[in-house]
Amino acid sequence: MRALALAGAMLLAAPALAQDRNGLERADAPPLEPFKIILVGDSTMAPHSGWASAFCANHVKSSVACLNLGRGGRSTRSYRAEGAWDIALGEARVAGYRATYVLIQFGHNDQSTRPERWTEMRTEFPGNLRRFVTEMRAAGAVPVLLTPLTRREFRAGRLANTLEPWAAEIRAVAAAMDVPLIDLNAESAAAVQRMGAETATQLAQVPPRPEELEAARSGTTLPPRPAPAAPVEQRTPPPGPRGRVMRKFDYTHVGPVGAELFARMIAQSLARAVSALGGQIVP
């Protein structure tokens, strides 16, 4: 019993003895006051095919929790229908942050003809955006609207920016509801037009084939390749990571070069649109 009491006394005295030996004062670290940025959108934002992971990795400080919830093939309708929007709302309600900002970017798949994706541009699409804004504000977060990243298709040397009408609807919602806006469509379209069709092929997930590059040099891009067939699953899969990412050459998705180009663009624009985040954004 005496030995146990002596051992307990030594353990209790250990911090004080360490302090005496080193001659250093001790103090508690101040509480964190972090920010949170949640990214909600389609494949042009999603991991492995969009810009948002590069943004989180390279353009925010460690005082920012940055969460990429972009998902390939999603529109303002399907993102909600599948439950992804509920996940984003749950993340927005998490306490402990000085402020939470939610960047919302859709348009590519609202423009689609696939039955689970498409929306009507003049009424349904802006209505979905207004509902997103209202619900995020009710969750205590600050929504930020983004116009969709441009596609990189060219005709006779000019960029065919088919998403501009959808971008106009987003601008109107942002103005009407006093929402911070990042006009990614206008900025990315101007940047891609400046670089031209040939250079813009470097932004894709994989390099172009010779015929695709030659067409780009002529100023009129070929149609995008279809997605490659998914590999056949092995009957007895090996242990370890088994996730697969299907990369292809097209004029919509981006590889590392394109992701960093547009992530840097977002960083600059976000710092201007939301001044409170200026000190948290890395150029």
Protein backbone atom coordinates (compact mmCIF):
# COMPACT_ATOMS: atom_id res chain seq x y z
CA MET A 1 0.00 0.00 0.00
CA ARG A 2 2.83 2.37 0.91
CA ALA A 3 4.51 1.64 -2.46
CA LEU A 4 1.29 2.38 -4.37
CA ALA A 5 0.79 5.66 -2.52
CA LEU A 6 4.38 6.68 -3.27
CA ALA A 7 3.97 5.86 -7.00
CA GLY A 8 0.74 7.92 -7.15
CA ALA A 9 2.44 10.88 -5.51
CA MET A 10 5.29 10.72 -8.04
CA LEU A 11 2.85 10.73 -10.98
CA LEU A 12 0.98 13.74 -9.62
CA ALA A 13 4.23 15.62 -9.11
CA ALA A 14 5.65 14.80 -12.55
CA PRO A 15 4.29 17.85 -14.46
CA ALA A 16 5.55 20.25 -11.81
CA LEU A 17 8.97 18.55 -11.71
CA ALA A 18 9.21 18.79 -15.51
CA GLN A 19 8.38 22.46 -15.33
CA ASP A 20 11.04 23.04 -12.66
CA ARG A 21 13.69 21.15 -14.64
CA ASN A 22 13.12 23.11 -17.83
CA GLY A 23 12.50 26.45 -16.22
CA LEU A 24 9.56 27.06 -18.59
CA GLU A 25 6.12 28.42 -17.88
CA ARG A 26 3.08 26.45 -19.03
CA ALA A 27 -0.12 27.84 -20.52
CA ASP A 28 -3.14 26.43 -22.32
CA ALA A 29 -3.47 27.02 -26.05
CA PRO A 30 -6.23 29.50 -26.92
CA PRO A 31 -9.47 28.02 -28.31
CA LEU A 32 -9.64 27.51 -32.04
CA GLU A 33 -11.78 29.88 -34.09
CA PRO A 34 -11.85 28.00 -37.40
CA PHE A 35 -13.88 28.63 -40.53
CA LYS A 36 -15.58 25.98 -42.63
CA ILE A 37 -16.07 25.88 -46.40
CA ILE A 38 -18.41 23.28 -47.91
CA LEU A 39 -18.39 22.78 -51.68
CA VAL A 40 -21.62 21.55 -53.27
CA GLY A 41 -21.90 20.81 -56.98
CA ASP A 42 -21.34 18.49 -59.91
CA SER A 43 -18.39 16.68 -61.51
CA THR A 44 -16.59 19.92 -62.40
CA MET A 45 -16.22 20.35 -58.63
CA ALA A 46 -15.99 16.72 -57.54
CA PRO A 47 -12.81 14.82 -56.54
CA HIS A 48 -10.75 13.47 -59.47
CA SER A 49 -12.70 15.40 -62.12
CA GLY A 50 -13.09 18.96 -60.86
CA TRP A 51 -11.30 21.90 -59.26
CA ALA A 52 -12.52 21.77 -55.65
CA SER A 53 -10.03 19.27 -54.20
CA ALA A 54 -7.16 21.39 -55.52
CA PHE A 55 -8.81 24.42 -53.90
CA CYS A 56 -9.03 22.67 -50.52
CA ALA A 57 -5.48 21.31 -50.78
CA ASN A 58 -3.68 24.43 -51.99
CA HIS A 59 -5.72 27.56 -51.37
CA VAL A 60 -6.97 27.59 -47.77
CA LYS A 61 -5.08 27.89 -44.50
CA SER A 62 -5.12 25.25 -41.78
CA SER A 63 -7.68 27.39 -39.93
CA VAL A 64 -10.26 26.38 -42.57
CA ALA A 65 -12.04 23.02 -42.64
CA CYS A 66 -12.63 22.51 -46.36
CA LEU A 67 -15.06 19.77 -47.44
CA ASN A 68 -15.65 18.83 -51.09
CA LEU A 69 -19.16 17.38 -51.52
CA GLY A 70 -19.18 17.70 -55.32
CA ARG A 71 -20.65 14.63 -57.06
CA GLY A 72 -20.43 13.64 -60.70
CA GLY A 73 -23.61 13.72 -62.83
CA ARG A 74 -25.68 15.74 -60.36
CA SER A 75 -28.08 18.58 -61.08
CA THR A 76 -29.96 20.86 -58.69
CA ARG A 77 -32.75 18.25 -58.81
CA SER A 78 -30.83 14.97 -58.51
CA TYR A 79 -28.44 16.27 -55.84
CA ARG A 80 -31.45 16.84 -53.59
CA ALA A 81 -33.39 13.75 -54.67
CA GLU A 82 -30.58 11.34 -53.76
CA GLY A 83 -30.04 12.89 -50.31
CA ALA A 84 -26.70 14.60 -50.95
CA TRP A 85 -28.20 17.99 -50.11
CA ASP A 86 -29.31 16.68 -46.71
CA ILE A 87 -25.69 15.68 -46.04
CA ALA A 88 -24.56 19.20 -46.92
CA LEU A 89 -27.18 20.71 -44.62
CA GLY A 90 -26.03 18.42 -41.80
CA GLU A 91 -22.44 19.55 -42.29
CA ALA A 92 -23.55 23.19 -42.30
CA ARG A 93 -25.25 22.75 -38.91
CA VAL A 94 -22.12 21.41 -37.19
CA ALA A 95 -21.19 23.80 -34.39
CA GLY A 96 -17.74 25.04 -33.45
CA TYR A 97 -16.93 27.25 -36.43
CA ARG A 98 -16.65 31.01 -36.54
CA ALA A 99 -18.59 30.89 -39.80
CA THR A 100 -19.54 28.29 -42.40
CA TYR A 101 -19.65 29.12 -46.11
CA VAL A 102 -21.28 26.88 -48.71
CA LEU A 103 -20.18 27.26 -52.34
CA ILE A 104 -22.93 26.02 -54.70
CA GLN A 105 -22.20 25.33 -58.39
CA PHE A 106 -24.63 23.62 -60.78
CA GLY A 107 -25.72 23.89 -64.40
CA HIS A 108 -23.93 21.22 -66.44
CA ASN A 109 -26.36 18.43 -65.60
CA ASP A 110 -29.42 20.65 -65.29
CA GLN A 111 -28.74 21.16 -69.01
CA SER A 112 -28.68 17.39 -69.58
CA THR A 113 -31.44 15.37 -71.25
CA ARG A 114 -31.09 12.39 -68.88
CA PRO A 115 -34.39 11.83 -67.11
CA GLU A 116 -33.07 11.94 -63.55
CA ARG A 117 -31.04 15.12 -64.13
CA TRP A 118 -32.58 17.78 -66.34
CA THR A 119 -34.39 20.84 -65.08
CA GLU A 120 -36.34 23.59 -66.80
CA MET A 121 -34.01 26.57 -67.10
CA ARG A 122 -36.30 29.57 -66.62
CA THR A 123 -38.35 28.48 -63.62
CA GLU A 124 -37.29 25.17 -62.05
CA PHE A 125 -33.53 25.74 -62.07
CA PRO A 126 -33.62 29.18 -60.39
CA GLY A 127 -36.34 27.92 -58.05
CA ASN A 128 -34.06 25.10 -56.93
CA LEU A 129 -31.23 27.58 -56.33
CA ARG A 130 -33.47 29.87 -54.28
CA ARG A 131 -34.48 26.91 -52.12
CA PHE A 132 -30.80 25.99 -51.62
CA VAL A 133 -30.03 29.54 -50.48
CA THR A 134 -33.00 29.73 -48.10
CA GLU A 135 -32.26 26.37 -46.48
CA MET A 136 -28.55 27.04 -46.04
CA ARG A 137 -29.27 30.36 -44.38
CA ALA A 138 -31.75 28.63 -42.06
CA ALA A 139 -28.99 26.13 -41.18
CA GLY A 140 -26.78 29.03 -40.08
CA ALA A 141 -24.43 29.00 -43.06
CA VAL A 142 -23.59 31.63 -45.68
CA PRO A 143 -24.36 30.43 -49.23
CA VAL A 144 -22.18 31.57 -52.13
CA LEU A 145 -23.44 30.96 -55.68
CA LEU A 146 -21.10 30.05 -58.54
CA THR A 147 -21.90 30.13 -62.22
CA PRO A 148 -20.86 26.87 -63.96
CA LEU A 149 -17.33 26.24 -65.18
CA THR A 150 -17.21 26.68 -68.95
CA ARG A 151 -16.86 23.78 -71.32
CA ARG A 152 -13.88 24.02 -73.68
CA GLU A 153 -15.48 23.29 -77.03
CA PHE A 154 -14.50 25.56 -79.93
CA ARG A 155 -16.06 26.40 -83.27
CA ALA A 156 -13.96 28.28 -85.84
CA GLY A 157 -11.64 29.57 -83.14
CA ARG A 158 -14.38 30.79 -80.81
CA LEU A 159 -15.39 29.17 -77.51
CA ALA A 160 -18.91 27.69 -77.62
CA ASN A 161 -20.06 28.71 -74.14
CA THR A 162 -23.38 26.85 -74.06
CA LEU A 163 -23.72 27.35 -70.30
CA GLU A 164 -24.00 31.14 -70.45
CA PRO A 165 -27.84 31.16 -70.33
CA TRP A 166 -27.73 29.04 -67.18
CA ALA A 167 -25.10 31.35 -65.71
CA ALA A 168 -27.44 34.29 -66.35
CA GLU A 169 -30.15 32.62 -64.25
CA ILE A 170 -27.68 32.15 -61.38
CA ARG A 171 -26.61 35.79 -61.54
CA ALA A 172 -30.25 36.84 -61.31
CA VAL A 173 -30.88 34.69 -58.22
CA ALA A 174 -27.74 36.03 -56.54
CA ALA A 175 -28.79 39.62 -57.19
CA ALA A 176 -32.38 39.11 -56.06
CA MET A 177 -31.43 37.30 -52.84
CA ASP A 178 -28.27 39.31 -52.04
CA VAL A 179 -26.04 36.24 -52.25
CA PRO A 180 -22.27 36.52 -52.83
CA LEU A 181 -21.52 35.49 -56.41
CA ILE A 182 -18.47 34.01 -58.11
CA ASP A 183 -18.95 34.35 -61.86
CA LEU A 184 -16.84 31.31 -62.70
CA ASN A 185 -18.49 30.90 -66.08
CA ALA A 186 -17.48 34.36 -67.29
CA GLU A 187 -13.97 34.16 -65.82
CA SER A 188 -13.23 30.64 -67.04
CA ALA A 189 -14.68 31.32 -70.50
CA ALA A 190 -12.48 34.39 -70.89
CA ALA A 191 -9.40 32.44 -69.76
CA VAL A 192 -10.08 29.52 -72.09
CA GLN A 193 -10.75 31.82 -75.04
CA ARG A 194 -7.42 33.56 -74.43
CA MET A 195 -5.47 30.29 -74.39
CA GLY A 196 -7.25 28.90 -77.45
CA ALA A 197 -8.48 25.44 -78.32
CA GLU A 198 -5.07 23.76 -78.63
CA THR A 199 -3.67 24.94 -75.30
CA ALA A 200 -7.00 24.24 -73.60
CA THR A 201 -6.58 20.52 -74.35
CA GLN A 202 -3.90 20.52 -71.62
CA LEU A 203 -6.62 21.10 -68.99
CA ALA A 204 -8.33 17.73 -69.59
CA GLN A 205 -8.05 14.62 -67.44
CA VAL A 206 -5.92 12.78 -70.02
CA PRO A 207 -3.99 14.02 -73.11
CA PRO A 208 -5.76 14.31 -76.45
CA ARG A 209 -5.27 11.80 -79.23
CA PRO A 210 -3.42 13.08 -82.32
CA GLU A 211 -6.65 13.68 -84.22
CA GLU A 212 -8.18 15.56 -81.29
CA LEU A 213 -5.13 17.77 -80.98
CA GLU A 214 -5.06 18.41 -84.74
CA ALA A 215 -8.71 19.45 -84.70
CA ALA A 216 -8.06 21.79 -81.81
CA ARG A 217 -5.20 23.37 -83.77
CA SER A 218 -7.66 24.05 -86.58
CA GLY A 219 -9.91 25.93 -84.13
CA THR A 220 -12.84 23.46 -84.14
CA THR A 221 -12.76 20.69 -81.55
CA LEU A 222 -13.96 17.15 -82.19
CA PRO A 223 -16.90 15.78 -80.19
CA PRO A 224 -15.93 14.58 -76.69
CA ARG A 225 -15.06 10.92 -76.29
CA PRO A 226 -17.63 8.66 -74.65
CA ALA A 227 -16.81 7.51 -71.15
CA PRO A 228 -14.70 4.32 -71.10
CA ALA A 229 -16.43 1.13 -70.12
CA ALA A 230 -16.19 0.28 -66.45
CA PRO A 231 -13.81 -2.64 -65.78
CA VAL A 232 -15.34 -5.97 -64.91
CA GLU A 233 -15.29 -6.57 -61.18
CA GLN A 234 -13.21 -9.55 -60.07
CA ARG A 235 -15.18 -12.35 -58.49
CA THR A 236 -12.79 -12.42 -55.51
CA PRO A 237 -11.43 -8.88 -55.19
CA PRO A 238 -7.97 -8.46 -53.71
CA PRO A 239 -7.59 -6.87 -50.27
CA GLY A 240 -6.92 -3.14 -50.00
CA PRO A 241 -8.33 -0.11 -51.81
CA ARG A 242 -10.51 -1.09 -54.77
CA GLY A 243 -12.06 2.21 -55.79
CA ARG A 244 -11.71 3.17 -59.45
CA VAL A 245 -11.77 6.56 -61.12
CA MET A 246 -12.64 6.63 -64.82
CA ARG A 247 -10.65 9.37 -66.58
CA LYS A 248 -11.17 10.44 -70.18
CA PHE A 249 -10.38 13.22 -72.59
CA ASP A 250 -13.24 15.70 -72.96
CA TYR A 251 -13.90 19.42 -72.80
CA THR A 252 -15.71 19.50 -69.44
CA HIS A 253 -13.71 17.71 -66.75
CA VAL A 254 -10.24 18.69 -65.61
CA GLY A 255 -7.01 16.98 -64.68
CA PRO A 256 -4.35 18.39 -62.32
CA VAL A 257 -3.39 21.34 -64.56
CA GLY A 258 -6.98 22.43 -65.13
CA ALA A 259 -7.95 21.84 -61.50
CA GLU A 260 -5.19 24.09 -60.22
CA LEU A 261 -5.89 26.80 -62.80
CA PHE A 262 -9.54 27.06 -61.83
CA ALA A 263 -8.92 26.52 -58.10
CA ARG A 264 -6.63 29.55 -58.13
CA MET A 265 -9.31 31.48 -59.99
CA ILE A 266 -11.88 30.54 -57.33
CA ALA A 267 -9.50 31.56 -54.54
CA GLN A 268 -9.06 35.03 -56.00
CA SER A 269 -12.78 35.48 -56.64
CA LEU A 270 -13.90 34.12 -53.26
CA ALA A 271 -11.59 36.47 -51.38
CA ARG A 272 -13.15 39.37 -53.28
CA ALA A 273 -16.75 38.18 -52.91
CA VAL A 274 -16.49 37.34 -49.17
CA SER A 275 -14.12 39.78 -47.51
CA ALA A 276 -14.26 37.91 -44.18
CA LEU A 277 -12.43 35.00 -45.83
CA GLY A 278 -9.65 37.10 -47.35
CA GLY A 279 -7.19 36.26 -44.58
CA GLN A 280 -8.01 32.53 -44.84
CA ILE A 281 -7.44 32.16 -48.58
CA VAL A 282 -4.02 31.41 -50.07
CA PRO A 283 -3.51 32.85 -53.59
